[in-house]
Amino acid sequence: MRRPTATRDEIDAWLTAHGWHPGRANEPRNLARAGELLALRVRDAAAQGFPLEPWDAVRRFVASYADLAFPMPRAPERAFRADPSFGYAGDAEDIAGLAGDLGQPLFPVGWETTEMGLVLLDRTGRFFYLHGTGPYFLGGDETEALSSLMTGDQEDAEHHFTRGRPTP
């Protein structure tokens, strides 16, 4: 059973309490930092043999939240960090596999510090969480995904798989 989602005001209060502010994604230093982090991930994925390429929504998301940590209110020992350069050996192949299941390219936009799961964004604006126990759906947009990260509420990603489904 899904918990109630956080309102945008609650999400903004959570983000603001940890250093975020509106317009952060457009600040030159944050755009530059996002570019550095994304370049690291692109190089790492290419070295793993599974190239990943970011798009504008990925760049904007990372620039909005890079270098900040957002502790989860119900489990403050856990935090979300918008750092796409974090990963593990073989993660690019795992990302490519999940992208194939979803029928959409994915790019990592962050990670969760205790469980070491990767937060991924697809080209339609949906967010997923790739964890050692499997893939999870965080939300259909940034607000839903931030609410999910804030509350710790996720659902299995399999409901969003297109692999093996007939094309309409």
N, C-alpha and C. Protein backbone atom coordinates (compact mmCIF):
# COMPACT_ATOMS: atom_id res chain seq x y z
N MET A 1 0.84 -1.18 0.00
CA MET A 1 0.00 0.00 0.00
C MET A 1 0.89 1.25 0.00
N ARG A 2 0.60 2.15 -0.92
CA ARG A 2 1.37 3.39 -1.02
C ARG A 2 0.97 4.35 0.10
N ARG A 3 1.97 4.99 0.67
CA ARG A 3 1.73 6.03 1.66
C ARG A 3 1.27 7.30 0.96
N PRO A 4 0.66 8.21 1.69
CA PRO A 4 0.30 9.49 1.08
C PRO A 4 1.56 10.19 0.57
N THR A 5 1.44 10.83 -0.56
CA THR A 5 2.58 11.55 -1.11
C THR A 5 2.73 12.89 -0.40
N ALA A 6 3.94 13.38 -0.42
CA ALA A 6 4.21 14.70 0.15
C ALA A 6 3.72 15.77 -0.82
N THR A 7 3.27 16.89 -0.29
CA THR A 7 2.86 18.00 -1.14
C THR A 7 4.10 18.71 -1.68
N ARG A 8 3.93 19.49 -2.71
CA ARG A 8 5.06 20.24 -3.26
C ARG A 8 5.61 21.21 -2.21
N ASP A 9 4.76 21.79 -1.38
CA ASP A 9 5.24 22.68 -0.31
C ASP A 9 6.11 21.91 0.69
N GLU A 10 5.70 20.70 1.06
CA GLU A 10 6.51 19.87 1.98
C GLU A 10 7.83 19.49 1.33
N ILE A 11 7.79 19.15 0.06
CA ILE A 11 9.02 18.80 -0.66
C ILE A 11 9.96 20.00 -0.72
N ASP A 12 9.42 21.16 -1.09
CA ASP A 12 10.26 22.36 -1.17
C ASP A 12 10.86 22.72 0.18
N ALA A 13 10.10 22.54 1.26
CA ALA A 13 10.63 22.81 2.61
C ALA A 13 11.77 21.85 2.93
N TRP A 14 11.62 20.59 2.57
CA TRP A 14 12.67 19.58 2.78
C TRP A 14 13.92 19.94 1.99
N LEU A 15 13.74 20.28 0.73
CA LEU A 15 14.88 20.64 -0.12
C LEU A 15 15.56 21.91 0.39
N THR A 16 14.77 22.93 0.71
CA THR A 16 15.32 24.21 1.17
C THR A 16 16.09 24.05 2.48
N ALA A 17 15.61 23.19 3.35
CA ALA A 17 16.29 22.96 4.63
C ALA A 17 17.69 22.38 4.44
N HIS A 18 17.96 21.87 3.24
CA HIS A 18 19.26 21.23 2.99
C HIS A 18 20.04 21.92 1.87
N GLY A 19 19.73 23.20 1.63
CA GLY A 19 20.56 24.02 0.76
C GLY A 19 20.03 24.32 -0.62
N TRP A 20 18.93 23.74 -1.01
CA TRP A 20 18.36 23.99 -2.34
C TRP A 20 17.59 25.31 -2.33
N HIS A 21 17.49 25.93 -3.49
CA HIS A 21 16.64 27.10 -3.67
C HIS A 21 16.17 27.15 -5.12
N PRO A 22 15.00 27.75 -5.36
CA PRO A 22 14.52 27.87 -6.74
C PRO A 22 15.54 28.60 -7.61
N GLY A 23 15.66 28.17 -8.84
CA GLY A 23 16.60 28.80 -9.77
C GLY A 23 18.01 28.26 -9.68
N ARG A 24 18.26 27.35 -8.76
CA ARG A 24 19.61 26.80 -8.57
C ARG A 24 20.16 26.16 -9.84
N ALA A 25 19.28 25.54 -10.63
CA ALA A 25 19.71 24.85 -11.84
C ALA A 25 20.27 25.79 -12.90
N ASN A 26 19.97 27.07 -12.80
CA ASN A 26 20.43 28.04 -13.81
C ASN A 26 21.68 28.79 -13.40
N GLU A 27 22.19 28.52 -12.22
CA GLU A 27 23.38 29.22 -11.75
C GLU A 27 24.63 28.62 -12.42
N PRO A 28 25.51 29.48 -12.96
CA PRO A 28 26.67 28.98 -13.70
C PRO A 28 27.50 27.95 -12.94
N ARG A 29 27.73 28.15 -11.64
CA ARG A 29 28.56 27.19 -10.89
C ARG A 29 27.87 25.83 -10.80
N ASN A 30 26.54 25.81 -10.69
CA ASN A 30 25.83 24.53 -10.61
C ASN A 30 25.74 23.86 -11.96
N LEU A 31 25.60 24.64 -13.02
CA LEU A 31 25.63 24.08 -14.37
C LEU A 31 27.00 23.46 -14.66
N ALA A 32 28.06 24.16 -14.25
CA ALA A 32 29.42 23.64 -14.46
C ALA A 32 29.63 22.36 -13.66
N ARG A 33 29.19 22.36 -12.42
CA ARG A 33 29.36 21.17 -11.57
C ARG A 33 28.58 19.99 -12.15
N ALA A 34 27.36 20.24 -12.60
CA ALA A 34 26.58 19.17 -13.22
C ALA A 34 27.32 18.62 -14.43
N GLY A 35 27.88 19.50 -15.24
CA GLY A 35 28.64 19.05 -16.41
C GLY A 35 29.82 18.16 -16.04
N GLU A 36 30.52 18.52 -14.96
CA GLU A 36 31.65 17.70 -14.50
C GLU A 36 31.17 16.30 -14.07
N LEU A 37 30.12 16.27 -13.27
CA LEU A 37 29.61 14.99 -12.76
C LEU A 37 29.08 14.12 -13.89
N LEU A 38 28.38 14.72 -14.83
CA LEU A 38 27.83 13.97 -15.96
C LEU A 38 28.95 13.43 -16.85
N ALA A 39 29.99 14.23 -17.06
CA ALA A 39 31.12 13.77 -17.88
C ALA A 39 31.81 12.57 -17.24
N LEU A 40 31.94 12.59 -15.92
CA LEU A 40 32.52 11.43 -15.23
C LEU A 40 31.70 10.17 -15.48
N ARG A 41 30.37 10.30 -15.40
CA ARG A 41 29.49 9.14 -15.60
C ARG A 41 29.55 8.66 -17.04
N VAL A 42 29.57 9.59 -17.99
CA VAL A 42 29.64 9.22 -19.41
C VAL A 42 30.92 8.43 -19.67
N ARG A 43 32.04 8.91 -19.15
CA ARG A 43 33.32 8.21 -19.35
C ARG A 43 33.30 6.83 -18.70
N ASP A 44 32.76 6.74 -17.49
CA ASP A 44 32.72 5.46 -16.79
C ASP A 44 31.84 4.46 -17.54
N ALA A 45 30.68 4.89 -17.99
CA ALA A 45 29.78 3.99 -18.71
C ALA A 45 30.42 3.52 -20.01
N ALA A 46 31.08 4.41 -20.73
CA ALA A 46 31.75 4.03 -21.98
C ALA A 46 32.85 3.00 -21.69
N ALA A 47 33.59 3.20 -20.61
CA ALA A 47 34.65 2.25 -20.23
C ALA A 47 34.06 0.88 -19.88
N GLN A 48 32.82 0.87 -19.39
CA GLN A 48 32.15 -0.40 -19.08
C GLN A 48 31.57 -1.06 -20.32
N GLY A 49 31.57 -0.35 -21.45
CA GLY A 49 31.04 -0.91 -22.68
C GLY A 49 29.55 -0.71 -22.88
N PHE A 50 28.94 0.15 -22.07
CA PHE A 50 27.52 0.45 -22.18
C PHE A 50 27.35 1.97 -22.12
N PRO A 51 27.59 2.65 -23.24
CA PRO A 51 27.57 4.11 -23.23
C PRO A 51 26.23 4.68 -22.78
N LEU A 52 26.31 5.77 -22.05
CA LEU A 52 25.14 6.52 -21.61
C LEU A 52 25.34 7.97 -22.04
N GLU A 53 24.28 8.61 -22.48
CA GLU A 53 24.34 10.02 -22.88
C GLU A 53 23.24 10.79 -22.18
N PRO A 54 23.59 11.86 -21.47
CA PRO A 54 22.56 12.67 -20.80
C PRO A 54 21.81 13.55 -21.80
N TRP A 55 20.65 14.01 -21.38
CA TRP A 55 19.85 14.95 -22.16
C TRP A 55 19.52 16.13 -21.26
N ASP A 56 18.82 17.11 -21.80
CA ASP A 56 18.60 18.37 -21.07
C ASP A 56 17.94 18.19 -19.71
N ALA A 57 16.93 17.33 -19.60
CA ALA A 57 16.25 17.13 -18.32
C ALA A 57 17.20 16.56 -17.27
N VAL A 58 18.12 15.70 -17.69
CA VAL A 58 19.13 15.15 -16.78
C VAL A 58 20.04 16.26 -16.29
N ARG A 59 20.52 17.08 -17.23
CA ARG A 59 21.41 18.19 -16.87
C ARG A 59 20.73 19.14 -15.88
N ARG A 60 19.49 19.48 -16.16
CA ARG A 60 18.75 20.40 -15.30
C ARG A 60 18.56 19.81 -13.91
N PHE A 61 18.17 18.54 -13.83
CA PHE A 61 17.95 17.92 -12.53
C PHE A 61 19.24 17.90 -11.71
N VAL A 62 20.32 17.47 -12.32
CA VAL A 62 21.59 17.40 -11.59
C VAL A 62 22.04 18.80 -11.16
N ALA A 63 21.91 19.79 -12.04
CA ALA A 63 22.30 21.15 -11.67
C ALA A 63 21.43 21.69 -10.53
N SER A 64 20.19 21.26 -10.45
CA SER A 64 19.30 21.71 -9.38
C SER A 64 19.74 21.23 -8.00
N TYR A 65 20.30 20.02 -7.94
CA TYR A 65 20.51 19.38 -6.63
C TYR A 65 21.94 18.91 -6.37
N ALA A 66 22.86 19.07 -7.32
CA ALA A 66 24.23 18.56 -7.16
C ALA A 66 24.89 19.14 -5.91
N ASP A 67 25.71 18.31 -5.29
CA ASP A 67 26.51 18.66 -4.11
C ASP A 67 25.70 18.91 -2.85
N LEU A 68 24.41 18.56 -2.88
CA LEU A 68 23.58 18.66 -1.68
C LEU A 68 23.18 17.25 -1.25
N ALA A 69 22.95 17.07 0.03
CA ALA A 69 22.45 15.80 0.57
C ALA A 69 21.11 16.06 1.22
N PHE A 70 20.14 15.19 0.92
CA PHE A 70 18.79 15.34 1.44
C PHE A 70 18.44 14.15 2.32
N PRO A 71 18.67 14.25 3.64
CA PRO A 71 18.33 13.15 4.55
C PRO A 71 16.83 12.87 4.50
N MET A 72 16.50 11.60 4.56
CA MET A 72 15.10 11.20 4.50
C MET A 72 14.47 11.37 5.88
N PRO A 73 13.39 12.14 5.97
CA PRO A 73 12.81 12.45 7.29
C PRO A 73 12.49 11.23 8.15
N ARG A 74 12.04 10.15 7.56
CA ARG A 74 11.68 8.97 8.35
C ARG A 74 12.88 8.07 8.64
N ALA A 75 14.00 8.33 7.97
CA ALA A 75 15.22 7.55 8.18
C ALA A 75 16.41 8.46 7.89
N PRO A 76 16.73 9.40 8.80
CA PRO A 76 17.74 10.42 8.52
C PRO A 76 19.15 9.88 8.28
N GLU A 77 19.40 8.62 8.61
CA GLU A 77 20.70 8.04 8.29
C GLU A 77 20.83 7.80 6.79
N ARG A 78 19.72 7.82 6.08
CA ARG A 78 19.69 7.67 4.63
C ARG A 78 19.53 9.04 4.00
N ALA A 79 20.19 9.25 2.88
CA ALA A 79 20.05 10.53 2.18
C ALA A 79 20.11 10.31 0.68
N PHE A 80 19.47 11.21 -0.04
CA PHE A 80 19.55 11.24 -1.49
C PHE A 80 20.60 12.27 -1.88
N ARG A 81 21.48 11.90 -2.81
CA ARG A 81 22.48 12.81 -3.35
C ARG A 81 22.35 12.80 -4.87
N ALA A 82 22.25 13.98 -5.48
CA ALA A 82 22.15 14.10 -6.93
C ALA A 82 23.56 14.12 -7.51
N ASP A 83 24.18 12.97 -7.52
CA ASP A 83 25.54 12.82 -8.05
C ASP A 83 25.54 11.62 -8.99
N PRO A 84 25.45 11.86 -10.29
CA PRO A 84 25.40 10.76 -11.24
C PRO A 84 26.72 10.02 -11.39
N SER A 85 27.81 10.55 -10.84
CA SER A 85 29.11 9.88 -10.99
C SER A 85 29.26 8.70 -10.06
N PHE A 86 28.39 8.59 -9.04
CA PHE A 86 28.44 7.45 -8.14
C PHE A 86 27.94 6.22 -8.89
N GLY A 87 28.59 5.09 -8.65
CA GLY A 87 28.15 3.85 -9.27
C GLY A 87 28.91 2.68 -8.72
N TYR A 88 28.72 1.55 -9.34
CA TYR A 88 29.40 0.31 -8.94
C TYR A 88 29.80 -0.43 -10.20
N ALA A 89 30.72 -1.38 -10.05
CA ALA A 89 31.20 -2.15 -11.20
C ALA A 89 30.03 -2.85 -11.87
N GLY A 90 29.89 -2.64 -13.16
CA GLY A 90 28.84 -3.29 -13.92
C GLY A 90 27.51 -2.57 -13.91
N ASP A 91 27.44 -1.40 -13.29
CA ASP A 91 26.14 -0.73 -13.21
C ASP A 91 25.63 -0.24 -14.56
N ALA A 92 26.52 0.12 -15.48
CA ALA A 92 26.07 0.59 -16.79
C ALA A 92 25.32 -0.51 -17.53
N GLU A 93 25.75 -1.74 -17.39
CA GLU A 93 25.03 -2.87 -17.99
C GLU A 93 23.66 -3.04 -17.33
N ASP A 94 23.61 -2.90 -16.01
CA ASP A 94 22.33 -3.00 -15.30
C ASP A 94 21.37 -1.89 -15.74
N ILE A 95 21.90 -0.69 -15.91
CA ILE A 95 21.08 0.43 -16.37
C ILE A 95 20.57 0.16 -17.78
N ALA A 96 21.45 -0.34 -18.66
CA ALA A 96 21.03 -0.66 -20.03
C ALA A 96 19.97 -1.75 -20.04
N GLY A 97 20.10 -2.74 -19.17
CA GLY A 97 19.09 -3.80 -19.09
C GLY A 97 17.74 -3.26 -18.66
N LEU A 98 17.73 -2.41 -17.63
CA LEU A 98 16.48 -1.83 -17.18
C LEU A 98 15.90 -0.92 -18.26
N ALA A 99 16.74 -0.16 -18.95
CA ALA A 99 16.27 0.69 -20.05
C ALA A 99 15.59 -0.16 -21.12
N GLY A 100 16.16 -1.31 -21.42
CA GLY A 100 15.54 -2.22 -22.39
C GLY A 100 14.19 -2.70 -21.92
N ASP A 101 14.09 -3.03 -20.65
CA ASP A 101 12.80 -3.48 -20.10
C ASP A 101 11.75 -2.38 -20.15
N LEU A 102 12.18 -1.15 -19.95
CA LEU A 102 11.26 -0.01 -19.92
C LEU A 102 10.96 0.55 -21.31
N GLY A 103 11.82 0.21 -22.27
CA GLY A 103 11.66 0.74 -23.61
C GLY A 103 12.03 2.21 -23.71
N GLN A 104 12.85 2.69 -22.76
CA GLN A 104 13.27 4.09 -22.73
C GLN A 104 14.72 4.18 -22.26
N PRO A 105 15.51 5.09 -22.84
CA PRO A 105 16.85 5.30 -22.30
C PRO A 105 16.76 5.83 -20.88
N LEU A 106 17.76 5.50 -20.09
CA LEU A 106 17.87 5.94 -18.70
C LEU A 106 19.22 6.59 -18.49
N PHE A 107 19.27 7.50 -17.54
CA PHE A 107 20.54 8.08 -17.13
C PHE A 107 20.49 8.28 -15.62
N PRO A 108 21.57 7.91 -14.91
CA PRO A 108 21.58 8.12 -13.45
C PRO A 108 21.67 9.60 -13.11
N VAL A 109 20.85 10.00 -12.13
CA VAL A 109 20.86 11.39 -11.68
C VAL A 109 21.23 11.50 -10.21
N GLY A 110 21.42 10.36 -9.54
CA GLY A 110 21.79 10.39 -8.14
C GLY A 110 21.79 9.02 -7.52
N TRP A 111 21.90 9.01 -6.19
CA TRP A 111 21.97 7.74 -5.46
C TRP A 111 21.50 7.95 -4.04
N GLU A 112 21.22 6.84 -3.40
CA GLU A 112 20.79 6.83 -2.01
C GLU A 112 21.95 6.31 -1.18
N THR A 113 22.34 7.04 -0.16
CA THR A 113 23.62 6.83 0.51
C THR A 113 23.75 5.58 1.37
N THR A 114 22.68 5.04 1.88
CA THR A 114 22.79 3.85 2.74
C THR A 114 22.64 2.57 1.93
N GLU A 115 21.64 2.52 1.10
CA GLU A 115 21.35 1.33 0.30
C GLU A 115 22.17 1.28 -0.99
N MET A 116 22.79 2.41 -1.36
CA MET A 116 23.61 2.54 -2.56
C MET A 116 22.84 2.31 -3.85
N GLY A 117 21.53 2.54 -3.81
CA GLY A 117 20.72 2.42 -5.02
C GLY A 117 20.86 3.64 -5.89
N LEU A 118 20.72 3.43 -7.20
CA LEU A 118 20.85 4.51 -8.17
C LEU A 118 19.48 5.07 -8.53
N VAL A 119 19.38 6.38 -8.60
CA VAL A 119 18.17 7.06 -9.04
C VAL A 119 18.38 7.39 -10.52
N LEU A 120 17.43 6.97 -11.34
CA LEU A 120 17.53 7.08 -12.79
C LEU A 120 16.36 7.86 -13.35
N LEU A 121 16.62 8.59 -14.42
CA LEU A 121 15.59 9.36 -15.11
C LEU A 121 15.47 8.84 -16.53
N ASP A 122 14.23 8.65 -17.02
CA ASP A 122 14.05 8.25 -18.41
C ASP A 122 13.63 9.45 -19.25
N ARG A 123 13.61 9.27 -20.55
CA ARG A 123 13.32 10.38 -21.47
C ARG A 123 11.89 10.90 -21.36
N THR A 124 10.99 10.13 -20.75
CA THR A 124 9.61 10.60 -20.60
C THR A 124 9.42 11.38 -19.31
N GLY A 125 10.48 11.46 -18.47
CA GLY A 125 10.40 12.20 -17.22
C GLY A 125 10.10 11.33 -16.00
N ARG A 126 10.05 10.01 -16.21
CA ARG A 126 9.81 9.10 -15.07
C ARG A 126 11.13 8.83 -14.35
N PHE A 127 11.02 8.55 -13.05
CA PHE A 127 12.18 8.25 -12.22
C PHE A 127 12.09 6.83 -11.69
N PHE A 128 13.24 6.16 -11.66
CA PHE A 128 13.33 4.80 -11.18
C PHE A 128 14.49 4.70 -10.19
N TYR A 129 14.45 3.65 -9.39
CA TYR A 129 15.47 3.39 -8.38
C TYR A 129 15.99 1.98 -8.62
N LEU A 130 17.27 1.87 -8.94
CA LEU A 130 17.89 0.57 -9.20
C LEU A 130 18.64 0.14 -7.94
N HIS A 131 18.12 -0.87 -7.30
CA HIS A 131 18.61 -1.35 -6.00
C HIS A 131 19.06 -2.79 -6.17
N GLY A 132 19.85 -3.27 -5.25
CA GLY A 132 20.29 -4.66 -5.28
C GLY A 132 19.15 -5.66 -5.26
N THR A 133 18.00 -5.27 -4.75
CA THR A 133 16.83 -6.16 -4.71
C THR A 133 15.97 -6.05 -5.95
N GLY A 134 16.32 -5.13 -6.85
CA GLY A 134 15.56 -4.98 -8.08
C GLY A 134 15.29 -3.53 -8.40
N PRO A 135 14.56 -3.31 -9.50
CA PRO A 135 14.22 -1.95 -9.89
C PRO A 135 12.88 -1.51 -9.30
N TYR A 136 12.80 -0.23 -8.97
CA TYR A 136 11.59 0.33 -8.39
C TYR A 136 11.21 1.61 -9.14
N PHE A 137 9.94 1.91 -9.14
CA PHE A 137 9.41 3.13 -9.74
C PHE A 137 9.27 4.18 -8.65
N LEU A 138 9.86 5.36 -8.88
CA LEU A 138 9.77 6.45 -7.91
C LEU A 138 8.66 7.43 -8.25
N GLY A 139 8.39 7.62 -9.52
CA GLY A 139 7.33 8.56 -9.88
C GLY A 139 7.36 8.94 -11.33
N GLY A 140 6.24 9.48 -11.78
CA GLY A 140 6.08 9.88 -13.17
C GLY A 140 6.63 11.25 -13.49
N ASP A 141 7.09 11.96 -12.46
CA ASP A 141 7.70 13.27 -12.67
C ASP A 141 8.58 13.59 -11.47
N GLU A 142 9.23 14.74 -11.52
CA GLU A 142 10.18 15.11 -10.46
C GLU A 142 9.50 15.24 -9.10
N THR A 143 8.32 15.83 -9.05
CA THR A 143 7.64 16.00 -7.76
C THR A 143 7.31 14.65 -7.14
N GLU A 144 6.77 13.72 -7.93
CA GLU A 144 6.46 12.39 -7.40
C GLU A 144 7.72 11.67 -6.96
N ALA A 145 8.80 11.80 -7.74
CA ALA A 145 10.05 11.12 -7.38
C ALA A 145 10.64 11.69 -6.10
N LEU A 146 10.63 13.02 -5.96
CA LEU A 146 11.15 13.62 -4.73
C LEU A 146 10.30 13.22 -3.53
N SER A 147 8.99 13.15 -3.72
CA SER A 147 8.11 12.69 -2.65
C SER A 147 8.47 11.27 -2.25
N SER A 148 8.69 10.42 -3.23
CA SER A 148 9.05 9.03 -2.96
C SER A 148 10.38 8.93 -2.22
N LEU A 149 11.36 9.73 -2.65
CA LEU A 149 12.66 9.73 -1.96
C LEU A 149 12.51 10.27 -0.54
N MET A 150 11.66 11.26 -0.37
CA MET A 150 11.46 11.87 0.94
C MET A 150 10.77 10.90 1.90
N THR A 151 9.78 10.16 1.40
CA THR A 151 8.99 9.29 2.25
C THR A 151 9.48 7.84 2.28
N GLY A 152 10.33 7.48 1.32
CA GLY A 152 10.81 6.09 1.25
C GLY A 152 9.82 5.16 0.59
N ASP A 153 8.84 5.70 -0.10
CA ASP A 153 7.80 4.90 -0.72
C ASP A 153 8.12 4.65 -2.19
N GLN A 154 8.21 3.38 -2.57
CA GLN A 154 8.44 3.02 -3.97
C GLN A 154 7.56 1.83 -4.31
N GLU A 155 7.42 1.59 -5.62
CA GLU A 155 6.70 0.41 -6.07
C GLU A 155 7.57 -0.32 -7.08
N ASP A 156 7.30 -1.60 -7.27
CA ASP A 156 8.07 -2.37 -8.25
C ASP A 156 7.98 -1.73 -9.62
N ALA A 157 9.08 -1.75 -10.34
CA ALA A 157 9.13 -1.14 -11.66
C ALA A 157 8.52 -2.02 -12.74
N GLU A 158 8.31 -3.31 -12.46
CA GLU A 158 7.85 -4.23 -13.49
C GLU A 158 6.54 -3.79 -14.15
N HIS A 159 5.72 -3.04 -13.42
CA HIS A 159 4.46 -2.55 -13.98
C HIS A 159 4.70 -1.58 -15.14
N HIS A 160 5.92 -1.10 -15.26
CA HIS A 160 6.25 -0.12 -16.30
C HIS A 160 7.06 -0.73 -17.44
N PHE A 161 7.33 -2.03 -17.36
CA PHE A 161 8.11 -2.70 -18.40
C PHE A 161 7.29 -2.78 -19.68
N THR A 162 7.95 -2.57 -20.82
CA THR A 162 7.31 -2.75 -22.12
C THR A 162 7.84 -3.98 -22.83
N ARG A 163 8.99 -4.49 -22.40
CA ARG A 163 9.59 -5.66 -23.05
C ARG A 163 8.60 -6.82 -22.99
N GLY A 164 8.36 -7.41 -24.12
CA GLY A 164 7.47 -8.56 -24.18
C GLY A 164 6.00 -8.19 -24.34
N ARG A 165 5.69 -6.89 -24.29
CA ARG A 165 4.31 -6.46 -24.49
C ARG A 165 4.11 -6.13 -25.97
N PRO A 166 2.95 -6.45 -26.49
CA PRO A 166 2.70 -6.05 -27.88
C PRO A 166 2.66 -4.53 -28.01
N THR A 167 3.13 -4.03 -29.11
CA THR A 167 3.10 -2.59 -29.38
C THR A 167 1.68 -2.22 -29.82
N PRO A 168 1.09 -1.17 -29.19
CA PRO A 168 -0.29 -0.80 -29.59
C PRO A 168 -0.36 -0.29 -31.00
